[in-house]
Protein backbone atom coordinates (compact mmCIF):
# COMPACT_ATOMS: atom_id res chain seq x y z
CA MET A 1 0.00 0.00 0.00
CA ARG A 2 1.33 3.40 -1.02
CA ASN A 3 2.02 6.18 1.47
CA GLN A 4 -0.34 9.15 1.63
CA LEU A 5 0.30 12.04 -0.75
CA ASN A 6 2.53 14.99 0.24
CA LYS A 7 3.73 13.57 3.55
CA VAL A 8 6.55 15.90 4.69
CA LEU A 9 9.51 14.93 6.89
CA GLU A 10 11.79 17.62 8.27
CA GLY A 11 15.42 16.99 9.08
CA ILE A 12 18.84 18.60 8.82
CA PRO A 13 20.06 19.93 5.47
CA ALA A 14 23.39 18.16 4.94
CA SER A 15 24.10 18.91 1.28
CA PRO A 16 22.24 21.47 -0.88
CA GLY A 17 20.16 20.91 -3.99
CA ILE A 18 16.82 19.51 -5.16
CA ALA A 19 16.38 15.89 -6.23
CA ILE A 20 13.27 14.04 -7.43
CA GLY A 21 13.11 10.28 -7.86
CA PRO A 22 12.06 6.88 -6.49
CA ALA A 23 13.18 5.66 -3.05
CA TYR A 24 15.72 2.87 -2.79
CA PRO A 25 15.85 1.50 0.80
CA TYR A 26 19.43 0.59 1.65
CA GLY A 27 20.23 -1.46 4.74
CA LYS A 28 23.29 -2.97 6.32
CA GLU A 29 23.71 -6.73 6.10
CA ARG A 30 22.91 -8.60 9.29
CA PHE A 31 25.46 -10.98 10.73
CA VAL A 32 24.48 -14.35 12.16
CA LEU A 33 26.54 -14.69 15.32
CA TYR A 34 26.55 -17.80 17.50
CA ARG A 35 27.70 -17.79 21.12
CA LYS A 36 30.02 -20.73 20.54
CA LYS A 37 32.02 -21.94 23.56
CA ILE A 38 35.74 -22.54 23.08
CA SER A 39 38.40 -24.36 25.14
CA GLU A 40 41.48 -22.89 26.80
CA GLU A 41 43.59 -24.36 24.00
CA ASP A 42 41.52 -22.52 21.36
CA VAL A 43 42.14 -19.04 22.84
CA PRO A 44 45.51 -18.40 21.04
CA LYS A 45 43.92 -19.44 17.73
CA GLU A 46 41.01 -17.05 18.25
CA ILE A 47 43.42 -14.19 19.14
CA ALA A 48 45.40 -14.90 15.96
CA LYS A 49 42.14 -14.91 14.00
CA PHE A 50 41.26 -11.51 15.49
CA GLU A 51 44.70 -10.07 14.65
CA GLU A 52 44.44 -11.34 11.07
CA ALA A 53 41.02 -9.68 10.72
CA LEU A 54 42.51 -6.38 11.93
CA ILE A 55 45.32 -6.63 9.37
CA LYS A 56 42.90 -7.39 6.51
CA THR A 57 40.62 -4.52 7.56
CA ARG A 58 43.56 -2.13 7.64
CA GLN A 59 44.64 -3.18 4.13
CA GLU A 60 41.07 -2.75 2.91
CA ILE A 61 40.74 0.78 4.31
CA LEU A 62 44.18 1.83 3.01
CA GLU A 63 43.16 0.69 -0.48
CA LEU A 64 39.87 2.59 -0.28
CA GLN A 65 41.71 5.70 0.97
CA ARG A 66 44.26 5.41 -1.84
CA ASN A 67 41.53 5.17 -4.49
CA LEU A 68 39.76 8.26 -3.16
CA SER A 69 43.02 10.21 -2.96
CA GLN A 70 43.81 9.42 -6.60
CA LYS A 71 40.40 10.79 -7.56
CA GLY A 72 41.23 14.03 -5.74
CA ALA A 73 38.40 13.60 -3.21
CA ALA A 74 38.86 15.63 -0.04
CA SER A 75 37.06 12.90 1.91
CA ASP A 76 39.98 10.42 1.75
CA LYS A 77 41.25 11.97 5.03
CA ILE A 78 38.16 10.66 6.80
CA PHE A 79 39.44 7.08 6.67
CA GLU A 80 42.43 8.06 8.79
CA VAL A 81 39.95 8.10 11.69
CA HIS A 82 39.06 4.49 10.81
CA LEU A 83 42.73 3.50 10.77
CA LEU A 84 43.18 5.05 14.22
CA LEU A 85 40.23 3.02 15.54
CA LEU A 86 41.90 -0.16 14.30
CA GLU A 87 44.92 0.65 16.46
CA ASP A 88 42.94 1.52 19.60
CA ARG A 89 44.72 -0.53 22.27
CA MET A 90 41.83 -0.25 24.73
CA LEU A 91 39.39 -1.87 22.30
CA ILE A 92 41.87 -4.59 21.27
CA GLU A 93 42.80 -5.39 24.87
CA ASP A 94 39.11 -5.48 25.88
CA VAL A 95 38.44 -8.11 23.21
CA ILE A 96 41.42 -10.26 24.25
CA LYS A 97 40.55 -9.93 27.96
CA GLU A 98 36.89 -10.92 27.36
CA LEU A 99 38.01 -13.77 25.13
CA LYS A 100 40.28 -15.22 27.82
CA GLU A 101 37.75 -14.78 30.64
CA ARG A 102 34.49 -15.81 28.93
CA LYS A 103 35.88 -18.29 26.37
CA PHE A 104 33.40 -17.72 23.55
CA CYS A 105 34.35 -17.51 19.84
CA VAL A 106 36.07 -14.26 18.92
CA GLU A 107 33.36 -13.00 16.54
CA TYR A 108 30.78 -13.15 19.33
CA ILE A 109 33.14 -11.52 21.88
CA PHE A 110 34.07 -8.78 19.42
CA SER A 111 30.41 -8.04 18.64
CA GLN A 112 29.69 -7.61 22.37
CA VAL A 113 32.66 -5.30 22.96
CA LEU A 114 31.70 -3.33 19.85
CA LYS A 115 28.16 -2.79 21.15
CA LYS A 116 29.58 -1.47 24.42
CA TYR A 117 31.72 1.09 22.58
CA ILE A 118 28.88 2.16 20.27
CA ASN A 119 26.53 2.68 23.22
CA ALA A 120 29.16 4.69 25.12
CA PHE A 121 29.88 7.01 22.17
CA SER A 122 26.20 7.49 21.27
CA GLN A 123 25.50 8.85 24.77
CA MET A 124 28.33 11.41 24.79
CA GLY A 125 27.31 15.03 25.33
CA ASP A 126 29.71 16.33 22.67
CA SER A 127 27.94 16.16 19.27
CA TYR A 128 31.19 15.73 17.32
CA ILE A 129 32.25 12.72 19.43
CA ARG A 130 28.69 11.34 19.33
CA GLU A 131 28.74 11.42 15.53
CA ARG A 132 31.89 9.25 15.51
CA THR A 133 29.55 6.35 16.38
CA ALA A 134 29.07 5.81 12.65
CA ASP A 135 32.84 5.41 12.21
CA ILE A 136 33.06 2.81 14.99
CA SER A 137 30.12 0.92 13.51
CA ASP A 138 31.61 1.00 10.02
CA VAL A 139 35.03 -0.29 11.13
CA GLY A 140 33.35 -2.93 13.33
CA ARG A 141 31.29 -4.18 10.38
CA ARG A 142 34.44 -4.62 8.31
CA ILE A 143 36.23 -6.53 11.10
CA LEU A 144 33.21 -8.82 11.61
CA LYS A 145 33.12 -9.63 7.90
CA HIS A 146 36.72 -10.78 8.04
CA LEU A 147 36.16 -12.75 11.27
CA LEU A 148 33.25 -14.55 9.60
CA GLY A 149 35.14 -15.01 6.32
CA GLN A 150 32.69 -12.92 4.29
CA ASP A 151 33.71 -10.77 1.30
CA GLU A 152 33.12 -7.04 1.40
CA GLY A 153 31.11 -7.29 -1.76
CA GLN A 154 30.73 -4.89 -4.66
CA PRO A 155 29.79 -1.22 -4.23
CA LEU A 156 26.11 -0.45 -4.71
CA ARG A 157 25.19 0.27 -8.33
CA LEU A 158 21.67 1.51 -9.01
CA GLU A 159 19.89 0.24 -12.11
CA GLU A 160 17.80 3.40 -12.45
CA PRO A 161 17.96 6.98 -11.08
CA SER A 162 17.11 6.58 -7.38
CA ILE A 163 17.30 8.18 -3.95
CA ILE A 164 19.00 6.14 -1.23
CA VAL A 165 17.05 5.87 2.04
CA ALA A 166 18.99 4.45 5.00
CA HIS A 167 19.10 4.49 8.76
CA ASP A 168 22.70 5.61 8.46
CA LEU A 169 25.33 5.87 5.76
CA SER A 170 28.93 5.39 6.82
CA PRO A 171 31.78 7.21 5.08
CA SER A 172 32.73 4.06 3.21
CA ASP A 173 29.11 3.49 2.14
CA THR A 174 28.85 6.89 0.47
CA ALA A 175 32.43 6.96 -0.79
CA THR A 176 32.23 3.60 -2.57
CA MET A 177 28.73 4.07 -3.97
CA SER A 178 28.67 4.50 -7.73
CA LYS A 179 27.45 8.00 -8.59
CA GLU A 180 25.71 6.67 -11.66
CA ASN A 181 21.94 6.95 -11.12
CA LEU A 182 22.46 8.20 -7.54
CA LEU A 183 20.22 11.26 -7.16
CA ALA A 184 20.40 11.91 -3.41
CA PHE A 185 20.21 10.24 -0.04
CA VAL A 186 18.34 10.62 3.22
CA THR A 187 19.09 9.08 6.61
CA ASP A 188 17.41 8.65 9.98
CA ILE A 189 20.44 9.84 11.92
CA GLY A 190 23.44 12.16 11.44
CA GLY A 191 24.28 15.82 11.73
CA LYS A 192 25.85 18.69 9.82
CA THR A 193 29.31 17.90 11.19
CA SER A 194 29.23 14.17 10.49
CA HIS A 195 31.66 12.67 8.03
CA THR A 196 28.86 11.47 5.80
CA ALA A 197 27.66 15.08 5.38
CA ILE A 198 31.17 16.10 4.35
CA ILE A 199 31.36 13.33 1.76
CA ALA A 200 27.90 14.17 0.42
CA LYS A 201 29.00 17.73 -0.27
CA SER A 202 32.22 16.46 -1.81
CA LEU A 203 30.19 14.27 -4.20
CA GLU A 204 27.74 17.19 -4.81
CA ILE A 205 24.75 15.02 -3.95
CA PRO A 206 21.70 16.57 -2.21
CA ALA A 207 21.17 15.07 1.23
CA VAL A 208 18.93 15.42 4.27
CA VAL A 209 19.94 13.69 7.52
CA GLY A 210 18.56 13.38 11.04
CA LEU A 211 15.03 12.53 9.84
CA GLN A 212 14.59 9.92 12.63
CA ILE A 213 11.75 7.97 10.99
CA ALA A 214 12.66 7.98 7.27
CA THR A 215 13.29 4.24 7.02
CA ARG A 216 10.04 3.48 8.85
CA VAL A 217 7.72 5.57 6.71
CA ILE A 218 9.39 5.54 3.26
CA LYS A 219 8.73 2.42 1.18
CA SER A 220 10.59 1.08 -1.82
CA GLY A 221 9.45 2.86 -4.98
CA ASP A 222 7.85 5.83 -3.19
CA LEU A 223 8.38 9.01 -5.22
CA LEU A 224 10.45 11.48 -3.19
CA ILE A 225 11.37 15.13 -3.39
CA ILE A 226 14.60 15.90 -1.52
CA ASP A 227 15.07 19.54 -0.61
CA GLY A 228 18.66 19.72 0.60
CA ASN A 229 18.40 23.48 1.00
CA GLU A 230 15.58 23.43 3.53
CA GLY A 231 16.10 19.95 5.00
CA LYS A 232 12.75 18.56 3.78
CA VAL A 233 11.66 15.25 2.28
CA ILE A 234 8.26 15.06 0.58
CA ILE A 235 6.85 11.55 0.09
CA ASN A 236 4.63 10.85 -2.94
CA PRO A 237 4.02 14.50 -3.89
CA ASP A 238 0.85 15.40 -5.75
CA THR A 239 1.05 16.84 -9.27
CA LYS A 240 0.99 20.46 -8.09
CA THR A 241 3.82 19.97 -5.57
CA LEU A 242 5.86 17.96 -8.05
CA ARG A 243 5.49 20.66 -10.68
CA LYS A 244 6.51 23.34 -8.17
CA TYR A 245 9.76 21.59 -7.14
CA GLN A 246 10.61 20.58 -10.69
CA LYS A 247 10.27 24.23 -11.67
CA GLU A 248 12.48 25.27 -8.75
CA LYS A 249 15.08 22.68 -9.70
CA ASP A 250 15.10 23.88 -13.32
CA ARG A 251 15.29 27.50 -12.21
CA THR A 252 18.31 26.77 -10.04
CA ILE A 253 20.17 25.29 -13.00
CA VAL A 254 19.27 28.24 -15.25
CA GLU A 255 20.12 30.72 -12.49
CA ILE A 256 23.63 29.33 -12.02
CA GLN A 257 24.24 29.37 -15.77
CA GLN A 258 22.95 32.93 -16.19
CA LEU A 259 24.79 34.29 -13.18
CA GLU A 260 28.06 32.74 -14.34
CA SER A 261 27.47 34.24 -17.79
CA LEU A 262 26.46 37.68 -16.51
CA VAL A 263 29.06 38.15 -13.79
CA GLY A 264 31.94 36.07 -15.12
CA ASP A 265 35.24 37.59 -14.04
CA LEU A 266 33.78 41.09 -13.57
CA PRO A 267 34.74 42.81 -10.30
CA ALA A 268 32.38 43.25 -7.37
CA GLU A 269 31.74 46.94 -8.00
CA THR A 270 28.64 48.97 -7.10
CA LYS A 271 26.80 51.10 -9.65
CA ASP A 272 28.58 54.22 -8.35
CA GLY A 273 32.07 52.71 -8.43
CA LYS A 274 32.64 51.32 -4.92
CA LYS A 275 34.77 48.15 -5.18
CA VAL A 276 34.83 45.28 -2.69
CA ILE A 277 36.39 41.82 -2.77
CA VAL A 278 34.36 38.61 -2.99
CA ALA A 279 36.62 35.73 -1.94
CA SER A 280 36.07 32.11 -0.91
CA ASN A 281 36.28 29.99 2.22
CA ILE A 282 37.99 26.62 1.76
CA GLU A 283 38.99 23.68 3.93
CA PHE A 284 40.64 21.33 1.43
CA PRO A 285 43.17 22.13 -1.34
CA SER A 286 40.91 20.31 -3.83
CA GLU A 287 38.38 23.15 -3.43
CA VAL A 288 40.71 25.52 -5.29
CA ASP A 289 39.22 24.22 -8.56
CA SER A 290 35.83 25.56 -7.47
CA VAL A 291 37.40 28.84 -6.32
CA ILE A 292 38.84 29.37 -9.80
CA SER A 293 35.81 28.17 -11.78
CA HIS A 294 33.47 30.56 -9.93
CA ASN A 295 35.81 33.52 -10.51
CA SER A 296 36.45 34.09 -6.83
CA GLU A 297 38.87 36.91 -5.99
CA GLY A 298 41.12 34.83 -3.79
CA ILE A 299 40.70 32.87 -0.57
CA GLY A 300 39.46 34.86 2.42
CA LEU A 301 39.65 31.92 4.82
CA PHE A 302 41.77 28.80 4.48
CA ARG A 303 40.91 26.56 7.43
CA THR A 304 43.96 24.47 8.26
CA GLU A 305 42.48 22.00 10.76
CA PHE A 306 42.01 19.29 8.11
CA LEU A 307 45.81 18.83 8.02
CA TYR A 308 45.84 17.86 11.70
CA MET A 309 42.68 15.83 12.16
CA GLY A 310 42.03 12.11 11.68
CA ARG A 311 45.65 11.00 12.00
CA ASP A 312 47.95 9.62 14.68
CA ASP A 313 50.79 12.07 14.08
CA LEU A 314 51.20 15.79 13.58
CA PRO A 315 51.74 17.17 10.06
CA SER A 316 55.36 18.03 9.38
CA GLU A 317 56.56 21.46 8.34
CA GLU A 318 57.33 20.13 4.87
CA GLU A 319 53.87 18.60 4.44
CA GLN A 320 52.16 21.83 5.46
CA PHE A 321 54.49 23.95 3.32
CA GLU A 322 53.67 21.91 0.21
CA VAL A 323 49.92 22.32 0.75
CA TYR A 324 50.12 26.06 1.41
CA ARG A 325 52.55 26.62 -1.48
CA GLN A 326 50.38 24.77 -4.01
CA VAL A 327 47.26 26.72 -3.00
CA ALA A 328 49.12 30.06 -3.07
CA GLU A 329 50.59 29.38 -6.52
CA ARG A 330 47.25 28.35 -8.00
CA VAL A 331 45.34 31.35 -6.63
CA LYS A 332 48.03 33.94 -7.46
CA PRO A 333 47.81 36.90 -8.05
CA TYR A 334 44.92 36.87 -5.57
CA ASP A 335 45.39 36.62 -1.81
CA VAL A 336 45.27 33.48 0.31
CA ILE A 337 44.47 34.18 3.96
CA ILE A 338 45.61 31.21 6.05
CA ARG A 339 44.03 30.92 9.48
CA THR A 340 46.33 29.35 12.03
CA LEU A 341 45.20 26.18 13.76
CA ASP A 342 41.70 26.68 15.20
CA ILE A 343 41.42 23.46 17.17
CA GLY A 344 39.04 22.90 20.09
CA GLY A 345 35.33 23.62 20.36
CA ASP A 346 33.81 21.02 18.03
CA LYS A 347 37.20 19.95 16.62
CA PHE A 348 39.81 17.88 18.43
CA LEU A 349 43.23 16.36 17.84
CA SER A 350 43.58 12.65 18.46
CA GLN A 351 47.37 13.03 18.78
CA ILE A 352 47.21 15.32 21.79
CA GLU A 353 45.70 14.90 25.24
CA MET A 354 43.18 17.74 25.22
CA PRO A 355 41.12 18.59 28.30
CA LYS A 356 37.45 17.64 28.32
CA ASP A 357 36.09 21.15 28.77
CA MET A 358 32.58 21.45 30.13
CA HIS A 359 32.12 24.36 27.72
CA SER A 360 34.51 23.42 24.92
CA PHE A 361 33.86 26.55 22.84
CA LEU A 362 34.97 28.66 25.80
CA GLY A 363 37.95 26.53 26.72
CA TRP A 364 41.47 25.67 25.57
CA ARG A 365 41.15 26.28 21.85
CA ALA A 366 42.45 28.22 18.84
CA ILE A 367 45.10 30.84 19.72
CA ARG A 368 45.00 29.77 23.39
CA PHE A 369 46.05 26.27 22.41
CA CYS A 370 48.72 27.53 19.98
CA LEU A 371 50.31 29.86 22.54
CA ALA A 372 50.41 27.02 25.06
CA ARG A 373 52.00 24.70 22.48
CA PRO A 374 54.63 26.83 20.67
CA ASP A 375 56.26 23.63 19.37
CA ILE A 376 53.17 23.00 17.22
CA PHE A 377 52.50 26.69 16.52
CA LYS A 378 56.03 27.40 15.25
CA VAL A 379 55.99 24.51 12.80
CA GLN A 380 52.83 25.87 11.19
CA LEU A 381 54.11 29.45 11.12
CA ARG A 382 57.36 28.32 9.46
CA ALA A 383 55.37 26.48 6.78
CA ILE A 384 53.09 29.48 6.13
CA LEU A 385 56.01 31.92 5.96
CA ARG A 386 57.91 29.70 3.53
CA ALA A 387 54.81 29.46 1.32
CA SER A 388 54.57 33.28 1.31
CA ALA A 389 57.55 33.33 -1.08
CA PHE A 390 55.35 31.68 -3.73
CA GLY A 391 52.17 33.76 -3.61
CA ASN A 392 50.20 36.46 -1.84
CA VAL A 393 49.84 34.75 1.53
CA LYS A 394 48.49 36.43 4.65
CA ILE A 395 48.32 35.07 8.23
CA MET A 396 45.22 35.29 10.42
CA PHE A 397 45.01 34.48 14.14
CA PRO A 398 41.65 33.07 15.43
CA MET A 399 39.80 33.78 18.67
CA ILE A 400 41.85 36.77 19.81
CA SER A 401 40.16 38.21 22.90
CA CYS A 402 42.69 40.80 24.11
CA VAL A 403 45.72 42.82 22.99
CA GLU A 404 48.05 40.69 25.13
CA GLU A 405 47.17 37.51 23.22
CA LEU A 406 47.76 39.22 19.91
CA LYS A 407 51.15 40.56 21.01
CA GLN A 408 52.17 37.09 22.21
CA ALA A 409 51.20 35.57 18.84
CA LYS A 410 53.09 38.28 16.97
CA SER A 411 56.11 37.68 19.20
CA VAL A 412 56.18 33.98 18.28
CA LEU A 413 55.84 34.95 14.62
CA THR A 414 58.78 37.38 14.92
CA GLU A 415 60.88 34.64 16.52
CA VAL A 416 60.10 32.27 13.63
CA LYS A 417 60.97 34.98 11.09
CA ARG A 418 64.38 35.42 12.73
CA GLU A 419 65.02 31.67 12.59
CA LEU A 420 64.21 31.56 8.87
CA SER A 421 66.39 34.60 8.20
CA ARG A 422 69.34 33.01 10.00
CA GLN A 423 68.84 29.88 7.89
CA LYS A 424 68.61 32.05 4.75
CA ILE A 425 65.20 30.61 3.87
CA LYS A 426 63.10 32.88 1.64
CA PHE A 427 59.78 34.32 2.87
CA ASN A 428 57.80 37.53 2.58
CA LYS A 429 59.25 39.69 5.36
CA ASN A 430 56.32 42.09 5.04
CA ILE A 431 53.62 39.43 5.22
CA GLU A 432 50.29 40.91 6.34
CA ILE A 433 48.86 39.82 9.69
CA GLY A 434 45.18 39.82 10.61
CA VAL A 435 42.88 38.68 13.39
CA MET A 436 39.42 37.18 13.44
CA ILE A 437 36.89 39.27 15.29
CA GLU A 438 34.71 36.53 16.73
CA VAL A 439 34.82 37.26 20.46
CA PRO A 440 32.71 40.20 21.73
CA SER A 441 35.67 41.60 23.68
CA ALA A 442 37.68 41.80 20.45
CA ALA A 443 34.94 43.84 18.78
CA VAL A 444 34.73 46.20 21.75
CA ILE A 445 38.51 46.85 21.74
CA SER A 446 38.84 46.71 17.96
CA ASP A 447 40.26 50.24 18.01
CA LEU A 448 43.25 48.92 20.00
CA LEU A 449 43.63 45.70 17.99
CA ALA A 450 43.56 47.67 14.72
CA LYS A 451 46.82 49.37 15.67
CA GLU A 452 48.55 45.96 15.81
CA VAL A 453 47.43 44.31 12.53
CA ASP A 454 46.88 44.86 8.81
CA PHE A 455 43.29 43.61 8.56
CA PHE A 456 40.29 42.15 10.37
CA SER A 457 38.01 39.27 9.37
CA ILE A 458 34.71 39.06 11.23
CA GLY A 459 33.75 35.49 12.13
CA THR A 460 30.02 35.87 12.66
CA ASN A 461 29.30 32.22 13.48
CA ASP A 462 31.07 32.48 16.83
CA LEU A 463 30.43 36.19 17.31
CA VAL A 464 26.67 35.55 17.33
CA GLN A 465 27.04 32.52 19.61
CA TYR A 466 29.22 34.30 22.16
CA THR A 467 27.39 37.64 22.11
CA LEU A 468 23.90 36.19 22.48
CA ALA A 469 24.92 33.29 24.77
CA VAL A 470 23.30 30.84 22.34
CA ASP A 471 24.65 27.33 21.83
CA ARG A 472 24.15 26.70 18.11
CA ALA A 473 23.96 22.94 18.72
CA ASN A 474 21.07 23.24 21.18
CA GLU A 475 17.75 23.11 19.34
CA LYS A 476 15.85 24.47 22.35
CA VAL A 477 17.51 27.88 21.98
CA ALA A 478 18.16 27.85 18.23
CA TYR A 479 15.42 30.45 17.66
CA LEU A 480 17.58 32.98 19.53
CA TYR A 481 20.50 32.59 17.13
CA ARG A 482 19.96 35.73 15.02
CA ALA A 483 22.68 37.48 13.03
CA THR A 484 20.33 40.46 12.71
CA HIS A 485 20.17 41.04 16.47
CA LEU A 486 20.97 44.73 17.04
CA ALA A 487 23.83 43.81 19.36
CA ILE A 488 25.52 41.93 16.51
CA LEU A 489 24.98 44.72 13.97
CA ARG A 490 26.33 47.32 16.38
CA LEU A 491 29.45 45.24 17.07
CA ILE A 492 30.01 44.84 13.33
CA LYS A 493 29.53 48.57 12.75
CA THR A 494 31.96 49.42 15.58
CA THR A 495 34.55 46.97 14.26
CA ILE A 496 34.41 48.35 10.70
CA GLU A 497 34.58 51.98 11.87
CA ASN A 498 37.53 51.33 14.19
CA ALA A 499 39.39 49.47 11.44
CA HIS A 500 38.88 52.21 8.87
CA ASN A 501 39.85 54.92 11.37
CA ASN A 502 43.17 53.09 11.75
CA GLY A 503 43.74 52.56 8.05
CA ILE A 504 43.07 48.80 7.79
CA TRP A 505 40.47 46.84 5.85
CA VAL A 506 37.74 44.48 7.11
CA GLY A 507 36.44 41.22 5.70
CA MET A 508 33.78 38.78 6.88
CA CYS A 509 34.15 34.99 6.63
CA GLY A 510 31.12 33.84 8.67
CA GLU A 511 27.86 32.53 7.23
CA MET A 512 26.32 35.98 7.53
CA ALA A 513 28.49 37.14 4.60
CA GLY A 514 26.64 34.78 2.27
CA GLU A 515 23.05 35.60 3.32
CA LEU A 516 21.65 37.59 0.38
CA PRO A 517 19.22 39.91 2.23
CA LEU A 518 22.17 41.00 4.42
CA ILE A 519 24.63 41.75 1.60
CA VAL A 520 23.42 45.29 1.02
CA LEU A 521 23.38 45.98 4.77
CA LEU A 522 27.01 44.81 5.16
CA LEU A 523 28.02 46.75 2.08
CA GLY A 524 26.40 49.87 3.55
CA LEU A 525 28.23 49.36 6.84
CA GLY A 526 31.48 49.57 4.89
CA LEU A 527 32.58 45.91 4.70
CA ASP A 528 35.56 45.61 2.32
CA GLU A 529 35.58 41.86 1.68
CA PHE A 530 32.97 39.07 1.60
CA SER A 531 34.38 35.53 1.97
CA VAL A 532 31.83 32.82 1.18
CA PRO A 533 31.59 29.26 -0.22
CA PRO A 534 32.84 29.33 -3.85
CA ILE A 535 29.43 28.52 -5.33
CA SER A 536 27.96 31.66 -3.68
CA VAL A 537 30.45 34.06 -5.30
CA PRO A 538 28.44 34.85 -8.48
CA LYS A 539 25.29 35.67 -6.48
CA ILE A 540 27.12 38.02 -4.13
CA LYS A 541 28.84 39.81 -7.01
CA TYR A 542 25.55 40.15 -8.87
CA VAL A 543 23.78 41.85 -5.95
CA ILE A 544 26.69 44.23 -5.34
CA ARG A 545 26.82 45.20 -9.01
CA ASN A 546 23.12 46.11 -8.99
CA VAL A 547 23.08 48.56 -6.09
CA SER A 548 24.83 51.85 -5.42
CA PHE A 549 27.01 52.35 -2.36
CA GLU A 550 24.99 55.44 -1.40
CA GLU A 551 21.77 53.41 -1.46
CA ALA A 552 23.41 50.66 0.60
CA LYS A 553 24.54 53.17 3.23
CA LYS A 554 21.00 54.53 3.57
CA ILE A 555 19.59 51.01 3.94
CA ALA A 556 22.14 50.24 6.67
CA GLU A 557 21.33 53.45 8.55
CA GLN A 558 17.60 52.72 8.44
CA ALA A 559 18.06 49.12 9.57
CA LEU A 560 20.03 50.19 12.65
CA LEU A 561 17.15 52.41 13.74
CA LEU A 562 14.79 49.43 14.05
CA ASN A 563 14.19 47.64 17.35
CA SER A 564 14.24 43.91 16.69
CA ALA A 565 15.74 41.18 14.52
CA ASP A 566 12.29 40.43 13.05
CA GLU A 567 11.81 44.06 11.98
CA ILE A 568 15.30 44.24 10.51
CA GLU A 569 14.89 40.99 8.54
CA GLU A 570 11.50 42.07 7.16
CA PHE A 571 12.90 45.49 6.18
CA LEU A 572 15.98 44.01 4.47
CA SER A 573 13.93 41.39 2.60
CA LYS A 574 11.65 44.13 1.22
CA ARG A 575 14.59 46.28 0.15
CA MET A 576 16.27 43.29 -1.51
CA LYS A 577 13.05 42.53 -3.37
CA ASN A 578 12.86 46.15 -4.53
CA ILE A 579 16.42 45.97 -5.85
CA LEU A 580 15.77 42.72 -7.71
CA ASP A 581 12.41 43.98 -9.06
CA ARG A 582 14.24 47.03 -10.36
CA CYS A 583 16.64 44.77 -12.27
CA ILE A 584 13.68 43.11 -13.97
CA SER A 585 11.96 46.41 -14.86
CA ASP A 586 15.25 47.75 -16.25
CA ASN A 587 15.38 44.64 -18.45
CA VAL A 588 18.83 43.87 -17.10
CA CYS A 589 18.04 40.14 -17.09
CA ASP A 590 15.58 37.62 -15.72
CA VAL A 591 17.93 36.16 -13.08
CA CYS A 592 16.29 38.14 -10.28
CA ASP A 593 13.01 36.40 -10.91
CA LEU A 594 14.54 33.10 -9.87
CA THR A 595 13.70 31.68 -6.47
CA GLY A 596 17.32 30.90 -5.70
CA LEU A 597 18.27 34.57 -5.67
CA MET A 598 15.35 35.66 -3.51
CA PRO A 599 15.26 33.20 -0.57
CA LYS A 600 12.05 32.50 1.26
CA LYS A 601 11.60 34.26 4.56
CA LYS A 602 12.14 31.96 7.51
CA ARG A 603 10.04 32.62 10.56
CA SER A 604 11.57 32.25 13.97
CA LYS A 605 9.91 29.72 16.22
CA LYS A 606 10.36 29.49 19.95
CA ARG A 607 10.90 26.09 21.45
CA GLY A 608 10.71 25.04 24.99
């Protein structure tokens, strides 16, 4: 029996885009495990069997990682986490101890120990650690297959265009799936920071995760609409709904083509001649292709954490230098702003004993960690400085909260420069230094910080969280997370004014920089650089090229006179609509009529 028409499930948008197609339920194989008793003499044989399974699993993962790396996929680093799990002495010793004490066959013992670990991780308070449950499960499944003598089997290949529906999709599931006929996927569990979400974006496949009941209510062959932008799944849509989403999907394709054609490599310049920079945020070197193809004016934020995570050693100076050099050379003559290691919060290093902070975002992280570990900090600074001889590289320090921290960081940098000079190693001696303004205290004293650096970059994701005391991961207070809160806008205005008064420029690399209704506001406040995901660059340029700086300044002034985030958002949405309507009436083009350029208004909803 078919599901009812237009049943809507709401989850977490993991990868953007619209997909329409039939559901293909995808489930993990189930292992038949017997609690077989063994003798004392059999224990060494079972231990040897376990060790052989670990070796085979390691070889299997290394091969998978190698294949992904050759394809240039950024997600190959994810499997380093799996390799670390294989070497976890606590897990291995638990299995051997249980085997010796209980004397059951190793596959049964291993399955019991594995369940214990999965349960422990799934109940962790930290969302990042909790989401590693999928990695443990995936590695455990591989080990069990080898213990039972089963082959891994061939990657899933769909016979017709389909949408995968699963309780969970591990990194290896999504990475080994053939892209042919794969339209999208949805899962019951998962979050925005899970590895599967990262791989989905890497494969450019629309995805919605965290739906909770998808596998229970979606049947094989059900027609689905996947809205990866809004995090919605519509089951068996009626003709009207289907036509609406098909039209939106077609419009998105046309919009991208027209924007690329209209904007091309034109500068981000207002109608009255005010120029700004529209750059890109990247995490992996492979994203440089997208930076170039979308005519981005450089890299406004190069997150370097990926070099450190998911491995059992620290990246060497040479390894880091090669990555930074290659990116700088490819992006030249544009700038590459490299943010120093921003570890902590929702990111951790497996190689280092890091404290379990009760409030990890307020703890030992970012510049605080780097200043406490100059051995790690100096290696990265040496690599960045060496790369500066090959392109227009700039250095940016994260989470600066006071002048003292900044001076300490600059002092370490000066020390590293002296070392390189003594060794006669080339670097840009006048390399520009900047700080991220993401802590309220930094915004308040931005007049003092501006005297110490060459530029600012406003990190709105954390600035909003810290200023409004809102945990972004807590759904009960998510309605309070508003970038248009007057406190945020006033801090941004103060930061920009203090920077300009001291002769330095200001960029923004947080999500706020890519929200279309806010572009004109930020432009009017005097922002000099917008740094956004590469695919957003043409849209941002288009809006800037269709407004005057004088008009933008007036809009910003009017917005700051309003009393609430709701009023400000409504005002900015109306002004954006007026600007886009004007483009249509002037017969500039028909891009502005596309839904992708004029996002739907989202209403805030209190939860409790």
